[in-house]
Structure formats: structure tokens, C-alpha cells
């Protein structure tokens, strides 16, 4: 089996689907069970976690570089859409939302963020809805922050501004239709 060329360098920001944005801090060569293995060492600051991913498994686990500008633009555009809430049981929807967040797909994460967002004038969310919304919006904000080289709160503020503006437009449209 030929070793695959390293596709990430030390210092690169990468997205690991189940954990979000991390930074490649080093590439280690380790012997495990008598086999030499190259590992990406990823650091996730928010979770204070270090993860080691075998170089040959990076693609299989869905590890990727930060999204392109166009992908981020599409995801932010998704936030402006009308929220779509299925009329299924919350436990089923929660599972679907979690799967979308863990997929690492930026547009799917934006859909969850949009669908679970509540403007100040809307009814309160349940605790579990709020938890999933915060997980999705944080994941989106961390990637936006890494791409725009700002901190996460600044990126989150930008996302919430888009969501509030869209909610205002949707509410006006509802009033006119009534």
C-alpha cells in the first residue's frame, strides 16, 4: 500500500466532521503494534482536545480543508431562507439535526442553525432545541471565524445578524399575507 501524499500541513485549519474546526499542530510518526504510522495531530481549542488521525484515514473520516469562499457564501445564504420545521416527533428531528451537524457539511449545518433559530419576539425554545441550535451555530461560526481570521464571537454575531434580518423579513411577509 503506497503512502498517500500529505494533504494537510502543520498550521492548516481543518474540519473534522464530529468536532468542527481544528488546527494541525504537528505530523507525528509513531509505531503502533509494530507498524509505522503517520498521524495528523489536531488541536481543538474550544474543547481543549487533541486528536490524532492516521494520515491514510483522513479522507475516510471526512477530514477536509476549510470550505471555499463560495461554499461559505452559499451557507450564509441558506440562513436567509424560510425555516423548515417538519411535523415529526422532536426525538426524530433531533437525531436528524445531530446527523447534519456531524456530517461536517456547511450547508447542512446552516440549515439546522436556520431551522432552530428563534428571534426575540418568537416563542422560547426547549432546552434540547437550544443545545442543538448552539452546537450548529457554534460549528458554523468557528469555520467562518477561521476563514475570515476573526474570533468566534465576532463570527457568531455576523450569523445572528443574518438570522435576525431574515426573521424580520419573514415576519413582515406573514403580516402582509394575513
C-alpha atoms as a PDB file:
ATOM      1  CA  UNK A   1       0.000   0.000   0.000  1.00  0.00           C
ATOM      2  CA  UNK A   2       1.600   3.260  -1.131  1.00  0.00           C
ATOM      3  CA  UNK A   3       1.550   6.092   1.348  1.00  0.00           C
ATOM      4  CA  UNK A   4      -0.778   8.858   0.279  1.00  0.00           C
ATOM      5  CA  UNK A   5       0.777  12.299  -0.063  1.00  0.00           C
ATOM      6  CA  UNK A   6       0.137  14.505   2.955  1.00  0.00           C
ATOM      7  CA  UNK A   7      -2.742  16.783   2.061  1.00  0.00           C
ATOM      8  CA  UNK A   8      -2.604  18.934   5.219  1.00  0.00           C
ATOM      9  CA  UNK A   9       0.355  20.880   6.536  1.00  0.00           C
ATOM     10  CA  UNK A  10       1.261  21.972  10.044  1.00  0.00           C
ATOM     11  CA  UNK A  11      -0.603  25.209  10.763  1.00  0.00           C
ATOM     12  CA  UNK A  12      -3.545  24.383   8.460  1.00  0.00           C
ATOM     13  CA  UNK A  13      -7.056  24.739   9.810  1.00  0.00           C
ATOM     14  CA  UNK A  14      -9.101  21.644   9.029  1.00  0.00           C
ATOM     15  CA  UNK A  15     -12.647  20.474   9.639  1.00  0.00           C
ATOM     16  CA  UNK A  16     -13.141  17.151  11.387  1.00  0.00           C
ATOM     17  CA  UNK A  17     -16.868  16.342  10.963  1.00  0.00           C
ATOM     18  CA  UNK A  18     -17.645  15.292  14.532  1.00  0.00           C
ATOM     19  CA  UNK A  19     -15.612  18.055  16.210  1.00  0.00           C
ATOM     20  CA  UNK A  20     -15.559  21.039  13.853  1.00  0.00           C
ATOM     21  CA  UNK A  21     -12.587  23.277  13.158  1.00  0.00           C
ATOM     22  CA  UNK A  22      -9.192  22.264  14.456  1.00  0.00           C
ATOM     23  CA  UNK A  23      -5.617  23.139  13.653  1.00  0.00           C
ATOM     24  CA  UNK A  24      -2.904  20.727  12.516  1.00  0.00           C
ATOM     25  CA  UNK A  25      -0.224  21.250  15.168  1.00  0.00           C
ATOM     26  CA  UNK A  26       2.182  18.547  14.005  1.00  0.00           C
ATOM     27  CA  UNK A  27       2.574  15.408  11.934  1.00  0.00           C
ATOM     28  CA  UNK A  28       3.888  12.546  14.058  1.00  0.00           C
ATOM     29  CA  UNK A  29       5.433   9.273  13.044  1.00  0.00           C
ATOM     30  CA  UNK A  30       4.547   6.652  15.646  1.00  0.00           C
ATOM     31  CA  UNK A  31       4.973   2.911  15.934  1.00  0.00           C
ATOM     32  CA  UNK A  32       1.752   1.145  16.852  1.00  0.00           C
ATOM     33  CA  UNK A  33       1.689  -2.666  17.106  1.00  0.00           C
ATOM     34  CA  UNK A  34       4.937  -2.860  15.148  1.00  0.00           C
ATOM     35  CA  UNK A  35       3.658  -0.691  12.297  1.00  0.00           C
ATOM     36  CA  UNK A  36       4.973   2.781  11.477  1.00  0.00           C
ATOM     37  CA  UNK A  37       2.104   5.249  11.238  1.00  0.00           C
ATOM     38  CA  UNK A  38       1.998   8.911  10.234  1.00  0.00           C
ATOM     39  CA  UNK A  39      -0.555  10.848  12.282  1.00  0.00           C
ATOM     40  CA  UNK A  40      -2.011  14.332  11.985  1.00  0.00           C
ATOM     41  CA  UNK A  41      -2.154  15.903  15.432  1.00  0.00           C
ATOM     42  CA  UNK A  42      -5.198  18.184  15.541  1.00  0.00           C
ATOM     43  CA  UNK A  43      -5.892  20.700  18.302  1.00  0.00           C
ATOM     44  CA  UNK A  44      -9.449  21.828  19.014  1.00  0.00           C
ATOM     45  CA  UNK A  45      -9.069  24.880  21.250  1.00  0.00           C
ATOM     46  CA  UNK A  46     -12.712  25.282  22.215  1.00  0.00           C
ATOM     47  CA  UNK A  47     -12.966  21.715  23.518  1.00  0.00           C
ATOM     48  CA  UNK A  48      -9.365  21.741  24.791  1.00  0.00           C
ATOM     49  CA  UNK A  49      -8.914  18.486  22.937  1.00  0.00           C
ATOM     50  CA  UNK A  50      -6.125  16.934  20.892  1.00  0.00           C
ATOM     51  CA  UNK A  51      -6.943  14.310  18.282  1.00  0.00           C
ATOM     52  CA  UNK A  52      -4.559  12.091  16.328  1.00  0.00           C
ATOM     53  CA  UNK A  53      -5.763  10.988  12.910  1.00  0.00           C
ATOM     54  CA  UNK A  54      -3.836   8.491  10.761  1.00  0.00           C
ATOM     55  CA  UNK A  55      -2.833  10.227   7.528  1.00  0.00           C
ATOM     56  CA  UNK A  56      -4.263   7.343   5.482  1.00  0.00           C
ATOM     57  CA  UNK A  57      -7.646   7.606   7.243  1.00  0.00           C
ATOM     58  CA  UNK A  58      -8.108  11.383   6.970  1.00  0.00           C
ATOM     59  CA  UNK A  59     -10.305  11.084   3.849  1.00  0.00           C
ATOM     60  CA  UNK A  60     -12.288   8.148   5.231  1.00  0.00           C
ATOM     61  CA  UNK A  61     -13.269  10.054   8.380  1.00  0.00           C
ATOM     62  CA  UNK A  62     -14.266  13.082   6.290  1.00  0.00           C
ATOM     63  CA  UNK A  63     -11.475  15.419   7.376  1.00  0.00           C
ATOM     64  CA  UNK A  64     -11.276  18.375   4.993  1.00  0.00           C
ATOM     65  CA  UNK A  65      -9.761  21.784   4.475  1.00  0.00           C
ATOM     66  CA  UNK A  66     -11.832  24.844   5.353  1.00  0.00           C
ATOM     67  CA  UNK A  67     -14.688  25.455   2.930  1.00  0.00           C
ATOM     68  CA  UNK A  68     -14.257  27.577  -0.150  1.00  0.00           C
ATOM     69  CA  UNK A  69     -15.494  31.165  -0.102  1.00  0.00           C
ATOM     70  CA  UNK A  70     -18.371  30.122  -2.387  1.00  0.00           C
ATOM     71  CA  UNK A  71     -19.426  27.285  -0.072  1.00  0.00           C
ATOM     72  CA  UNK A  72     -19.442  29.680   2.890  1.00  0.00           C
ATOM     73  CA  UNK A  73     -21.393  32.226   0.848  1.00  0.00           C
ATOM     74  CA  UNK A  74     -23.962  29.529  -0.029  1.00  0.00           C
ATOM     75  CA  UNK A  75     -24.221  28.504   3.636  1.00  0.00           C
ATOM     76  CA  UNK A  76     -24.768  32.099   4.760  1.00  0.00           C
ATOM     77  CA  UNK A  77     -27.392  32.457   2.005  1.00  0.00           C
ATOM     78  CA  UNK A  78     -29.118  29.348   3.425  1.00  0.00           C
ATOM     79  CA  UNK A  79     -29.527  31.230   6.721  1.00  0.00           C
ATOM     80  CA  UNK A  80     -31.706  33.799   4.909  1.00  0.00           C
ATOM     81  CA  UNK A  81     -34.232  31.170   3.792  1.00  0.00           C
ATOM     82  CA  UNK A  82     -37.532  30.400   5.436  1.00  0.00           C
ATOM     83  CA  UNK A  83     -37.135  27.938   8.323  1.00  0.00           C
ATOM     84  CA  UNK A  84     -38.374  24.446   7.527  1.00  0.00           C
ATOM     85  CA  UNK A  85     -39.655  22.529  10.501  1.00  0.00           C
ATOM     86  CA  UNK A  86     -41.002  19.057   9.884  1.00  0.00           C
ATOM     87  CA  UNK A  87     -44.018  17.972  11.870  1.00  0.00           C
ATOM     88  CA  UNK A  88     -42.347  14.832  13.154  1.00  0.00           C
ATOM     89  CA  UNK A  89     -41.546  13.922  16.741  1.00  0.00           C
ATOM     90  CA  UNK A  90     -38.818  16.013  18.323  1.00  0.00           C
ATOM     91  CA  UNK A  91     -36.627  12.968  19.042  1.00  0.00           C
ATOM     92  CA  UNK A  92     -36.551  12.097  15.339  1.00  0.00           C
ATOM     93  CA  UNK A  93     -35.852  15.698  14.299  1.00  0.00           C
ATOM     94  CA  UNK A  94     -33.124  15.970  16.950  1.00  0.00           C
ATOM     95  CA  UNK A  95     -31.412  12.881  15.506  1.00  0.00           C
ATOM     96  CA  UNK A  96     -31.600  14.362  12.002  1.00  0.00           C
ATOM     97  CA  UNK A  97     -30.205  17.672  13.224  1.00  0.00           C
ATOM     98  CA  UNK A  98     -27.327  15.937  15.031  1.00  0.00           C
ATOM     99  CA  UNK A  99     -26.528  13.907  11.903  1.00  0.00           C
ATOM    100  CA  UNK A 100     -26.439  17.099   9.813  1.00  0.00           C
ATOM    101  CA  UNK A 101     -24.127  18.811  12.300  1.00  0.00           C
ATOM    102  CA  UNK A 102     -21.788  15.803  12.466  1.00  0.00           C
ATOM    103  CA  UNK A 103     -21.716  15.469   8.665  1.00  0.00           C
ATOM    104  CA  UNK A 104     -19.392  18.469   8.532  1.00  0.00           C
ATOM    105  CA  UNK A 105     -21.335  19.786   5.525  1.00  0.00           C
ATOM    106  CA  UNK A 106     -21.528  23.557   5.919  1.00  0.00           C
ATOM    107  CA  UNK A 107     -24.870  23.976   4.173  1.00  0.00           C
ATOM    108  CA  UNK A 108     -26.470  21.250   6.308  1.00  0.00           C
ATOM    109  CA  UNK A 109     -25.149  22.929   9.457  1.00  0.00           C
ATOM    110  CA  UNK A 110     -26.552  26.256   8.226  1.00  0.00           C
ATOM    111  CA  UNK A 111     -29.954  24.584   7.672  1.00  0.00           C
ATOM    112  CA  UNK A 112     -30.024  23.367  11.286  1.00  0.00           C
ATOM    113  CA  UNK A 113     -29.000  26.826  12.509  1.00  0.00           C
ATOM    114  CA  UNK A 114     -31.736  28.469  10.418  1.00  0.00           C
ATOM    115  CA  UNK A 115     -34.448  25.973  11.372  1.00  0.00           C
ATOM    116  CA  UNK A 116     -33.789  26.194  15.122  1.00  0.00           C
ATOM    117  CA  UNK A 117     -33.211  29.960  15.326  1.00  0.00           C
ATOM    118  CA  UNK A 118     -35.700  31.914  17.431  1.00  0.00           C
ATOM    119  CA  UNK A 119     -35.890  35.717  17.196  1.00  0.00           C
ATOM    120  CA  UNK A 120     -36.567  37.645  20.398  1.00  0.00           C
ATOM    121  CA  UNK A 121     -40.265  38.012  19.531  1.00  0.00           C
ATOM    122  CA  UNK A 122     -40.742  34.261  18.947  1.00  0.00           C
ATOM    123  CA  UNK A 123     -41.664  31.571  21.491  1.00  0.00           C
ATOM    124  CA  UNK A 124     -38.945  30.162  23.737  1.00  0.00           C
ATOM    125  CA  UNK A 125     -37.049  27.058  22.693  1.00  0.00           C
ATOM    126  CA  UNK A 126     -36.875  23.909  24.741  1.00  0.00           C
ATOM    127  CA  UNK A 127     -33.562  23.163  26.408  1.00  0.00           C
ATOM    128  CA  UNK A 128     -32.652  20.472  23.875  1.00  0.00           C
ATOM    129  CA  UNK A 129     -33.575  22.705  20.912  1.00  0.00           C
ATOM    130  CA  UNK A 130     -31.356  25.431  22.338  1.00  0.00           C
ATOM    131  CA  UNK A 131     -28.467  22.972  22.826  1.00  0.00           C
ATOM    132  CA  UNK A 132     -28.640  21.768  19.223  1.00  0.00           C
ATOM    133  CA  UNK A 133     -29.006  25.343  17.904  1.00  0.00           C
ATOM    134  CA  UNK A 134     -25.931  26.404  19.877  1.00  0.00           C
ATOM    135  CA  UNK A 135     -23.934  23.396  18.638  1.00  0.00           C
ATOM    136  CA  UNK A 136     -24.827  24.148  15.000  1.00  0.00           C
ATOM    137  CA  UNK A 137     -24.335  27.910  15.186  1.00  0.00           C
ATOM    138  CA  UNK A 138     -21.027  27.467  17.037  1.00  0.00           C
ATOM    139  CA  UNK A 139     -19.774  24.984  14.425  1.00  0.00           C
ATOM    140  CA  UNK A 140     -20.723  27.399  11.628  1.00  0.00           C
ATOM    141  CA  UNK A 141     -19.195  30.357  13.482  1.00  0.00           C
ATOM    142  CA  UNK A 142     -15.890  28.545  14.103  1.00  0.00           C
ATOM    143  CA  UNK A 143     -15.439  27.804  10.408  1.00  0.00           C
ATOM    144  CA  UNK A 144     -16.438  31.347   9.430  1.00  0.00           C
ATOM    145  CA  UNK A 145     -14.048  32.731  12.067  1.00  0.00           C
ATOM    146  CA  UNK A 146     -11.144  30.606  10.795  1.00  0.00           C
ATOM    147  CA  UNK A 147     -11.843  31.647   7.201  1.00  0.00           C
ATOM    148  CA  UNK A 148     -12.165  35.363   7.962  1.00  0.00           C
ATOM    149  CA  UNK A 149      -9.439  35.326  10.639  1.00  0.00           C
ATOM    150  CA  UNK A 150     -11.686  36.755  13.355  1.00  0.00           C
ATOM    151  CA  UNK A 151     -12.713  35.340  16.722  1.00  0.00           C
ATOM    152  CA  UNK A 152     -15.730  33.060  17.157  1.00  0.00           C
ATOM    153  CA  UNK A 153     -17.955  35.645  18.956  1.00  0.00           C
ATOM    154  CA  UNK A 154     -17.470  38.083  16.046  1.00  0.00           C
ATOM    155  CA  UNK A 155     -18.413  35.391  13.519  1.00  0.00           C
ATOM    156  CA  UNK A 156     -21.406  34.310  15.638  1.00  0.00           C
ATOM    157  CA  UNK A 157     -22.596  37.931  15.816  1.00  0.00           C
ATOM    158  CA  UNK A 158     -22.465  38.089  11.997  1.00  0.00           C
ATOM    159  CA  UNK A 159     -24.536  34.878  11.743  1.00  0.00           C
ATOM    160  CA  UNK A 160     -27.125  36.122  14.262  1.00  0.00           C
ATOM    161  CA  UNK A 161     -27.445  39.428  12.374  1.00  0.00           C
ATOM    162  CA  UNK A 162     -28.250  37.499   9.185  1.00  0.00           C
ATOM    163  CA  UNK A 163     -30.793  35.319  11.040  1.00  0.00           C
ATOM    164  CA  UNK A 164     -32.484  38.310  12.738  1.00  0.00           C
ATOM    165  CA  UNK A 165     -32.718  40.214   9.447  1.00  0.00           C
ATOM    166  CA  UNK A 166     -34.235  37.161   7.732  1.00  0.00           C
ATOM    167  CA  UNK A 167     -36.714  36.639  10.612  1.00  0.00           C
ATOM    168  CA  UNK A 168     -37.793  40.269  10.316  1.00  0.00           C
ATOM    169  CA  UNK A 169     -38.391  39.872   6.564  1.00  0.00           C
ATOM    170  CA  UNK A 170     -40.332  36.619   7.063  1.00  0.00           C
ATOM    171  CA  UNK A 171     -42.498  38.238   9.778  1.00  0.00           C
ATOM    172  CA  UNK A 172     -43.320  41.207   7.521  1.00  0.00           C
ATOM    173  CA  UNK A 173     -44.261  38.836   4.717  1.00  0.00           C
ATOM    174  CA  UNK A 174     -46.549  36.942   7.134  1.00  0.00           C
ATOM    175  CA  UNK A 175     -48.243  40.183   8.220  1.00  0.00           C
ATOM    176  CA  UNK A 176     -48.836  41.233   4.617  1.00  0.00           C
ATOM    177  CA  UNK A 177     -50.317  37.842   3.768  1.00  0.00           C
ATOM    178  CA  UNK A 178     -52.723  37.998   6.703  1.00  0.00           C
END
